[in-house]
Amino acid sequence: MVEWSFEAQMQAAQAIADQWGGWMRSTGADEVVAEYEAVGPRAAVSSQVLHQGQWMNNALPMELVSLGLNLRTAMGRPGGGAWTWAQLSMSSSQGYKLVSDFNYDREPDLDPPYTAQDVAQELQAFPRTPDATPDWMRINH
C-alpha cells in the first residue's frame, strides 16, 4: 500500500498548479482541462487546451499530464482507495487556480476494458474497506 500523507497530497497538487500555470503563461494558453480515468496500473487521460479561442485536443505535454497521476497516488486514502476518475482544470481568467473534481467509485471506461487483474492491483496498491468498495471492483473477490 502507498503511504498516505496530507503533505504529499498538497505537494502533488501544488506541483500541478505551479507547472500547469507556468506552461500556460509561457504558451499563452487560456484554459486547460484534463480528465483522468484509472484502475490499477492502467490509466486513460484526455486533455483540452484553449489557445487563442480554439480548443485543441491532447495538447497538454505528457510531463504535465503525468502530474495528475502523481496526485492520484498521493491522494490514495487508507481504507478508502484512490480516485478512479478526476477532472482537473485551470484558466487564466481565474488567476491560474487549479480546480478539481474527484470520484473514488466511478467505473473507468478504458480501451481495452479493465480486467480482474487490474482491479486486484488497484486494491493491493490502494486497499478499501468493504463499504468503500464499489460493486464493479468486486470482480472475483
N, C-alpha and C. Protein backbone atom coordinates (compact mmCIF):
# COMPACT_ATOMS: atom_id res chain seq x y z
N MET A 1 0.84 -1.19 0.00
CA MET A 1 0.00 0.00 0.00
C MET A 1 0.88 1.24 0.00
N VAL A 2 0.41 2.24 -0.69
CA VAL A 2 1.10 3.52 -0.75
C VAL A 2 0.85 4.27 0.55
N GLU A 3 1.88 4.86 1.11
CA GLU A 3 1.77 5.64 2.35
C GLU A 3 1.03 6.94 2.07
N TRP A 4 -0.01 7.23 2.86
CA TRP A 4 -0.79 8.45 2.67
C TRP A 4 -0.25 9.54 3.58
N SER A 5 -0.14 10.74 3.05
CA SER A 5 0.17 11.89 3.90
C SER A 5 -0.44 13.13 3.29
N PHE A 6 -0.95 13.99 4.15
CA PHE A 6 -1.54 15.24 3.69
C PHE A 6 -0.49 16.08 2.99
N GLU A 7 0.74 16.07 3.50
CA GLU A 7 1.81 16.86 2.90
C GLU A 7 2.10 16.41 1.46
N ALA A 8 2.15 15.10 1.24
CA ALA A 8 2.40 14.59 -0.12
C ALA A 8 1.27 14.99 -1.05
N GLN A 9 0.04 14.94 -0.56
CA GLN A 9 -1.12 15.34 -1.36
C GLN A 9 -1.00 16.81 -1.74
N MET A 10 -0.68 17.65 -0.79
CA MET A 10 -0.57 19.09 -1.06
C MET A 10 0.60 19.39 -2.01
N GLN A 11 1.71 18.68 -1.84
CA GLN A 11 2.86 18.88 -2.73
C GLN A 11 2.50 18.49 -4.17
N ALA A 12 1.78 17.39 -4.33
CA ALA A 12 1.40 16.94 -5.67
C ALA A 12 0.44 17.95 -6.32
N ALA A 13 -0.51 18.46 -5.56
CA ALA A 13 -1.44 19.46 -6.10
C ALA A 13 -0.71 20.76 -6.43
N GLN A 14 0.22 21.15 -5.58
CA GLN A 14 0.98 22.38 -5.83
C GLN A 14 1.86 22.25 -7.06
N ALA A 15 2.42 21.06 -7.28
CA ALA A 15 3.24 20.83 -8.48
C ALA A 15 2.40 21.04 -9.74
N ILE A 16 1.16 20.55 -9.73
CA ILE A 16 0.28 20.76 -10.88
C ILE A 16 0.00 22.24 -11.05
N ALA A 17 -0.39 22.90 -9.98
CA ALA A 17 -0.72 24.32 -10.06
C ALA A 17 0.47 25.12 -10.60
N ASP A 18 1.64 24.87 -10.07
CA ASP A 18 2.83 25.62 -10.50
C ASP A 18 3.21 25.33 -11.94
N GLN A 19 3.29 24.04 -12.29
CA GLN A 19 3.78 23.67 -13.61
C GLN A 19 2.76 23.92 -14.71
N TRP A 20 1.48 23.65 -14.45
CA TRP A 20 0.46 23.97 -15.45
C TRP A 20 0.39 25.48 -15.65
N GLY A 21 0.40 26.23 -14.54
CA GLY A 21 0.34 27.69 -14.64
C GLY A 21 1.52 28.25 -15.41
N GLY A 22 2.71 27.74 -15.14
CA GLY A 22 3.90 28.19 -15.86
C GLY A 22 3.82 27.88 -17.34
N TRP A 23 3.35 26.68 -17.67
CA TRP A 23 3.23 26.30 -19.07
C TRP A 23 2.19 27.17 -19.77
N MET A 24 1.07 27.40 -19.11
CA MET A 24 0.01 28.23 -19.71
C MET A 24 0.51 29.65 -19.98
N ARG A 25 1.22 30.21 -19.01
CA ARG A 25 1.75 31.57 -19.20
C ARG A 25 2.74 31.61 -20.35
N SER A 26 3.61 30.60 -20.44
CA SER A 26 4.65 30.62 -21.47
C SER A 26 4.10 30.35 -22.87
N THR A 27 2.98 29.64 -22.96
CA THR A 27 2.42 29.32 -24.28
C THR A 27 1.24 30.21 -24.66
N GLY A 28 0.74 30.98 -23.71
CA GLY A 28 -0.43 31.81 -23.99
C GLY A 28 -1.74 31.05 -23.94
N ALA A 29 -1.74 29.85 -23.36
CA ALA A 29 -2.98 29.08 -23.23
C ALA A 29 -3.93 29.78 -22.27
N ASP A 30 -5.22 29.78 -22.61
CA ASP A 30 -6.23 30.44 -21.77
C ASP A 30 -6.86 29.48 -20.76
N GLU A 31 -6.95 28.21 -21.13
CA GLU A 31 -7.58 27.24 -20.25
C GLU A 31 -7.07 25.84 -20.57
N VAL A 32 -7.00 25.01 -19.54
CA VAL A 32 -6.61 23.60 -19.68
C VAL A 32 -7.62 22.77 -18.89
N VAL A 33 -8.07 21.68 -19.50
CA VAL A 33 -8.96 20.73 -18.84
C VAL A 33 -8.41 19.34 -19.11
N ALA A 34 -8.22 18.54 -18.06
CA ALA A 34 -7.75 17.17 -18.23
C ALA A 34 -8.67 16.23 -17.45
N GLU A 35 -9.07 15.15 -18.11
CA GLU A 35 -9.92 14.14 -17.48
C GLU A 35 -9.13 12.84 -17.39
N TYR A 36 -9.13 12.27 -16.18
CA TYR A 36 -8.37 11.05 -15.88
C TYR A 36 -9.32 9.93 -15.50
N GLU A 37 -9.03 8.72 -15.99
CA GLU A 37 -9.70 7.51 -15.54
C GLU A 37 -8.60 6.50 -15.27
N ALA A 38 -8.69 5.80 -14.12
CA ALA A 38 -7.60 4.89 -13.78
C ALA A 38 -8.09 3.76 -12.89
N VAL A 39 -7.45 2.62 -13.06
CA VAL A 39 -7.63 1.48 -12.16
C VAL A 39 -6.36 0.64 -12.25
N GLY A 40 -5.82 0.28 -11.08
CA GLY A 40 -4.58 -0.49 -11.06
C GLY A 40 -3.49 0.24 -11.82
N PRO A 41 -2.76 -0.48 -12.68
CA PRO A 41 -1.66 0.14 -13.41
C PRO A 41 -2.12 0.88 -14.67
N ARG A 42 -3.42 0.86 -14.97
CA ARG A 42 -3.94 1.41 -16.22
C ARG A 42 -4.56 2.78 -16.00
N ALA A 43 -4.35 3.64 -16.98
CA ALA A 43 -4.95 4.97 -16.93
C ALA A 43 -5.21 5.47 -18.34
N ALA A 44 -6.23 6.28 -18.47
CA ALA A 44 -6.53 6.98 -19.72
C ALA A 44 -6.72 8.44 -19.38
N VAL A 45 -6.14 9.30 -20.18
CA VAL A 45 -6.23 10.73 -19.94
C VAL A 45 -6.56 11.43 -21.25
N SER A 46 -7.48 12.36 -21.18
CA SER A 46 -7.73 13.23 -22.32
C SER A 46 -7.60 14.66 -21.82
N SER A 47 -7.05 15.51 -22.66
CA SER A 47 -6.89 16.91 -22.26
C SER A 47 -7.32 17.81 -23.40
N GLN A 48 -7.75 18.99 -23.02
CA GLN A 48 -8.10 20.03 -23.98
C GLN A 48 -7.43 21.31 -23.53
N VAL A 49 -6.91 22.04 -24.50
CA VAL A 49 -6.25 23.31 -24.23
C VAL A 49 -6.94 24.37 -25.08
N LEU A 50 -7.36 25.46 -24.43
CA LEU A 50 -7.94 26.60 -25.14
C LEU A 50 -6.83 27.61 -25.40
N HIS A 51 -6.56 27.86 -26.67
CA HIS A 51 -5.50 28.78 -27.07
C HIS A 51 -6.02 29.66 -28.19
N GLN A 52 -6.00 30.95 -27.98
CA GLN A 52 -6.46 31.92 -28.98
C GLN A 52 -7.86 31.57 -29.50
N GLY A 53 -8.75 31.21 -28.56
CA GLY A 53 -10.14 30.96 -28.91
C GLY A 53 -10.44 29.60 -29.52
N GLN A 54 -9.44 28.74 -29.65
CA GLN A 54 -9.65 27.41 -30.23
C GLN A 54 -9.24 26.32 -29.24
N TRP A 55 -10.09 25.29 -29.13
CA TRP A 55 -9.78 24.13 -28.30
C TRP A 55 -8.93 23.15 -29.10
N MET A 56 -7.87 22.67 -28.47
CA MET A 56 -7.00 21.66 -29.08
C MET A 56 -7.01 20.43 -28.19
N ASN A 57 -7.25 19.27 -28.79
CA ASN A 57 -7.28 18.02 -28.03
C ASN A 57 -5.88 17.50 -27.77
N ASN A 58 -5.67 17.05 -26.54
CA ASN A 58 -4.43 16.39 -26.12
C ASN A 58 -3.19 17.21 -26.44
N ALA A 59 -3.26 18.51 -26.24
CA ALA A 59 -2.13 19.39 -26.48
C ALA A 59 -1.31 19.65 -25.21
N LEU A 60 -1.80 19.18 -24.07
CA LEU A 60 -1.05 19.35 -22.82
C LEU A 60 0.11 18.36 -22.83
N PRO A 61 1.35 18.82 -22.64
CA PRO A 61 2.51 17.91 -22.69
C PRO A 61 2.39 16.76 -21.68
N MET A 62 2.90 15.59 -22.07
CA MET A 62 2.79 14.39 -21.24
C MET A 62 3.38 14.58 -19.85
N GLU A 63 4.47 15.32 -19.73
CA GLU A 63 5.05 15.51 -18.39
C GLU A 63 4.10 16.29 -17.48
N LEU A 64 3.25 17.12 -18.06
CA LEU A 64 2.25 17.85 -17.26
C LEU A 64 1.03 16.97 -17.00
N VAL A 65 0.65 16.16 -17.96
CA VAL A 65 -0.45 15.20 -17.78
C VAL A 65 -0.11 14.24 -16.65
N SER A 66 1.11 13.74 -16.61
CA SER A 66 1.50 12.73 -15.63
C SER A 66 1.44 13.25 -14.19
N LEU A 67 1.49 14.55 -14.01
CA LEU A 67 1.38 15.11 -12.66
C LEU A 67 0.04 14.77 -12.03
N GLY A 68 -1.00 14.65 -12.85
CA GLY A 68 -2.31 14.25 -12.33
C GLY A 68 -2.31 12.83 -11.79
N LEU A 69 -1.55 11.96 -12.43
CA LEU A 69 -1.45 10.58 -11.94
C LEU A 69 -0.64 10.53 -10.65
N ASN A 70 0.35 11.42 -10.52
CA ASN A 70 1.07 11.53 -9.25
C ASN A 70 0.12 11.97 -8.14
N LEU A 71 -0.79 12.88 -8.47
CA LEU A 71 -1.77 13.34 -7.49
C LEU A 71 -2.68 12.19 -7.07
N ARG A 72 -3.06 11.35 -8.01
CA ARG A 72 -3.90 10.19 -7.68
C ARG A 72 -3.22 9.31 -6.63
N THR A 73 -1.95 9.04 -6.85
CA THR A 73 -1.20 8.22 -5.90
C THR A 73 -1.14 8.90 -4.54
N ALA A 74 -0.86 10.20 -4.54
CA ALA A 74 -0.74 10.94 -3.27
C ALA A 74 -2.08 11.02 -2.53
N MET A 75 -3.18 10.98 -3.27
CA MET A 75 -4.50 11.12 -2.64
C MET A 75 -5.11 9.80 -2.20
N GLY A 76 -4.47 8.68 -2.51
CA GLY A 76 -5.00 7.40 -2.06
C GLY A 76 -5.18 7.41 -0.54
N ARG A 77 -6.38 7.05 -0.08
CA ARG A 77 -6.70 7.12 1.34
C ARG A 77 -6.71 5.72 1.95
N PRO A 78 -6.11 5.56 3.13
CA PRO A 78 -6.15 4.25 3.78
C PRO A 78 -7.59 3.79 3.99
N GLY A 79 -7.92 2.63 3.43
CA GLY A 79 -9.26 2.08 3.55
C GLY A 79 -10.26 2.66 2.58
N GLY A 80 -9.92 3.80 1.96
CA GLY A 80 -10.84 4.46 1.05
C GLY A 80 -10.43 4.38 -0.40
N GLY A 81 -9.24 3.85 -0.65
CA GLY A 81 -8.77 3.70 -2.02
C GLY A 81 -8.32 5.00 -2.64
N ALA A 82 -8.14 4.96 -3.96
CA ALA A 82 -7.72 6.13 -4.73
C ALA A 82 -8.85 6.48 -5.70
N TRP A 83 -8.87 7.72 -6.14
CA TRP A 83 -9.91 8.08 -7.10
C TRP A 83 -9.71 7.32 -8.41
N THR A 84 -10.82 7.03 -9.05
CA THR A 84 -10.79 6.32 -10.33
C THR A 84 -11.14 7.25 -11.49
N TRP A 85 -11.62 8.45 -11.16
CA TRP A 85 -11.93 9.47 -12.16
C TRP A 85 -11.64 10.83 -11.55
N ALA A 86 -11.08 11.70 -12.37
CA ALA A 86 -10.84 13.08 -11.93
C ALA A 86 -10.89 14.01 -13.12
N GLN A 87 -11.28 15.24 -12.85
CA GLN A 87 -11.15 16.30 -13.83
C GLN A 87 -10.40 17.44 -13.16
N LEU A 88 -9.31 17.85 -13.80
CA LEU A 88 -8.50 18.96 -13.32
C LEU A 88 -8.57 20.06 -14.37
N SER A 89 -8.70 21.29 -13.93
CA SER A 89 -8.75 22.39 -14.89
C SER A 89 -8.10 23.63 -14.30
N MET A 90 -7.73 24.52 -15.21
CA MET A 90 -7.10 25.78 -14.82
C MET A 90 -7.38 26.77 -15.93
N SER A 91 -7.65 28.02 -15.54
CA SER A 91 -7.86 29.05 -16.56
C SER A 91 -7.17 30.34 -16.17
N SER A 92 -6.70 31.04 -17.18
CA SER A 92 -6.04 32.32 -16.94
C SER A 92 -7.02 33.33 -16.36
N SER A 93 -8.29 33.26 -16.76
CA SER A 93 -9.29 34.22 -16.29
C SER A 93 -9.60 34.07 -14.81
N GLN A 94 -9.26 32.92 -14.23
CA GLN A 94 -9.46 32.70 -12.79
C GLN A 94 -8.14 32.71 -12.04
N GLY A 95 -7.15 33.37 -12.60
CA GLY A 95 -5.87 33.53 -11.91
C GLY A 95 -5.04 32.27 -11.81
N TYR A 96 -5.19 31.36 -12.75
CA TYR A 96 -4.41 30.11 -12.78
C TYR A 96 -4.62 29.27 -11.52
N LYS A 97 -5.83 29.30 -11.01
CA LYS A 97 -6.20 28.49 -9.84
C LYS A 97 -6.57 27.09 -10.33
N LEU A 98 -6.01 26.07 -9.68
CA LEU A 98 -6.33 24.69 -10.02
C LEU A 98 -7.71 24.34 -9.47
N VAL A 99 -8.58 23.84 -10.34
CA VAL A 99 -9.93 23.41 -9.96
C VAL A 99 -9.98 21.90 -10.17
N SER A 100 -10.54 21.17 -9.20
CA SER A 100 -10.53 19.71 -9.29
C SER A 100 -11.87 19.11 -8.90
N ASP A 101 -12.14 17.95 -9.47
CA ASP A 101 -13.31 17.15 -9.14
C ASP A 101 -12.85 15.70 -9.16
N PHE A 102 -13.15 14.96 -8.08
CA PHE A 102 -12.68 13.58 -7.95
C PHE A 102 -13.85 12.65 -7.66
N ASN A 103 -13.75 11.41 -8.17
CA ASN A 103 -14.74 10.39 -7.87
C ASN A 103 -13.98 9.10 -7.57
N TYR A 104 -14.19 8.56 -6.38
CA TYR A 104 -13.48 7.36 -5.93
C TYR A 104 -14.20 6.07 -6.32
N ASP A 105 -15.42 6.17 -6.84
CA ASP A 105 -16.23 4.99 -7.10
C ASP A 105 -16.60 4.80 -8.57
N ARG A 106 -16.35 5.77 -9.39
CA ARG A 106 -16.79 5.71 -10.79
C ARG A 106 -16.02 4.62 -11.54
N GLU A 107 -16.77 3.83 -12.29
CA GLU A 107 -16.17 2.75 -13.07
C GLU A 107 -15.46 3.34 -14.29
N PRO A 108 -14.16 3.06 -14.44
CA PRO A 108 -13.44 3.63 -15.58
C PRO A 108 -13.85 2.99 -16.91
N ASP A 109 -13.86 3.79 -17.94
CA ASP A 109 -14.17 3.33 -19.29
C ASP A 109 -12.86 3.30 -20.07
N LEU A 110 -12.16 2.18 -19.98
CA LEU A 110 -10.84 2.05 -20.60
C LEU A 110 -10.93 1.21 -21.86
N ASP A 111 -10.01 1.42 -22.77
CA ASP A 111 -9.96 0.67 -24.03
C ASP A 111 -8.55 0.12 -24.21
N PRO A 112 -8.35 -1.21 -24.10
CA PRO A 112 -9.37 -2.22 -23.84
C PRO A 112 -9.89 -2.12 -22.40
N PRO A 113 -11.04 -2.74 -22.13
CA PRO A 113 -11.63 -2.66 -20.79
C PRO A 113 -10.68 -3.19 -19.71
N TYR A 114 -10.86 -2.67 -18.50
CA TYR A 114 -10.06 -3.14 -17.37
C TYR A 114 -10.36 -4.61 -17.11
N THR A 115 -9.43 -5.27 -16.43
CA THR A 115 -9.56 -6.70 -16.13
C THR A 115 -9.63 -6.91 -14.62
N ALA A 116 -9.94 -8.14 -14.24
CA ALA A 116 -9.93 -8.51 -12.82
C ALA A 116 -8.54 -8.30 -12.23
N GLN A 117 -7.50 -8.55 -13.03
CA GLN A 117 -6.13 -8.34 -12.55
C GLN A 117 -5.87 -6.85 -12.30
N ASP A 118 -6.37 -5.98 -13.16
CA ASP A 118 -6.22 -4.54 -12.93
C ASP A 118 -6.86 -4.14 -11.60
N VAL A 119 -8.06 -4.67 -11.35
CA VAL A 119 -8.77 -4.35 -10.10
C VAL A 119 -7.99 -4.90 -8.90
N ALA A 120 -7.47 -6.12 -9.02
CA ALA A 120 -6.69 -6.70 -7.92
C ALA A 120 -5.47 -5.85 -7.62
N GLN A 121 -4.80 -5.36 -8.65
CA GLN A 121 -3.63 -4.50 -8.44
C GLN A 121 -4.04 -3.17 -7.82
N GLU A 122 -5.19 -2.65 -8.21
CA GLU A 122 -5.72 -1.42 -7.61
C GLU A 122 -5.94 -1.61 -6.11
N LEU A 123 -6.59 -2.71 -5.76
CA LEU A 123 -6.91 -2.95 -4.35
C LEU A 123 -5.67 -3.28 -3.53
N GLN A 124 -4.66 -3.82 -4.17
CA GLN A 124 -3.40 -4.07 -3.45
C GLN A 124 -2.69 -2.75 -3.18
N ALA A 125 -2.65 -1.88 -4.17
CA ALA A 125 -1.97 -0.59 -4.02
C ALA A 125 -2.76 0.37 -3.14
N PHE A 126 -4.10 0.32 -3.27
CA PHE A 126 -4.98 1.26 -2.56
C PHE A 126 -6.13 0.49 -1.91
N PRO A 127 -5.85 -0.20 -0.79
CA PRO A 127 -6.88 -1.03 -0.16
C PRO A 127 -8.12 -0.21 0.22
N ARG A 128 -9.25 -0.90 0.18
CA ARG A 128 -10.54 -0.30 0.52
C ARG A 128 -11.26 -1.18 1.53
N THR A 129 -11.98 -0.55 2.42
CA THR A 129 -12.86 -1.30 3.30
C THR A 129 -14.04 -1.80 2.44
N PRO A 130 -14.76 -2.82 2.90
CA PRO A 130 -15.91 -3.30 2.11
C PRO A 130 -16.90 -2.17 1.78
N ASP A 131 -17.16 -1.29 2.73
CA ASP A 131 -18.11 -0.19 2.49
C ASP A 131 -17.60 0.80 1.46
N ALA A 132 -16.29 0.87 1.26
CA ALA A 132 -15.70 1.82 0.31
C ALA A 132 -15.38 1.17 -1.04
N THR A 133 -15.82 -0.08 -1.23
CA THR A 133 -15.53 -0.80 -2.47
C THR A 133 -16.78 -0.84 -3.35
N PRO A 134 -16.75 -0.16 -4.50
CA PRO A 134 -17.92 -0.20 -5.38
C PRO A 134 -18.11 -1.59 -5.98
N ASP A 135 -19.33 -1.88 -6.38
CA ASP A 135 -19.67 -3.21 -6.92
C ASP A 135 -18.76 -3.62 -8.06
N TRP A 136 -18.43 -2.71 -8.96
CA TRP A 136 -17.64 -3.09 -10.13
C TRP A 136 -16.23 -3.55 -9.74
N MET A 137 -15.75 -3.19 -8.55
CA MET A 137 -14.43 -3.64 -8.09
C MET A 137 -14.49 -5.01 -7.43
N ARG A 138 -15.64 -5.56 -7.27
CA ARG A 138 -15.79 -6.84 -6.58
C ARG A 138 -15.65 -8.03 -7.52
N ILE A 139 -15.08 -7.83 -8.68
CA ILE A 139 -14.87 -8.90 -9.66
C ILE A 139 -13.95 -9.95 -9.04
N ASN A 140 -14.43 -11.18 -8.97
CA ASN A 140 -13.63 -12.31 -8.45
C ASN A 140 -13.08 -12.05 -7.05
N HIS A 141 -13.78 -11.29 -6.25
CA HIS A 141 -13.32 -11.04 -4.87
C HIS A 141 -14.35 -11.54 -3.90
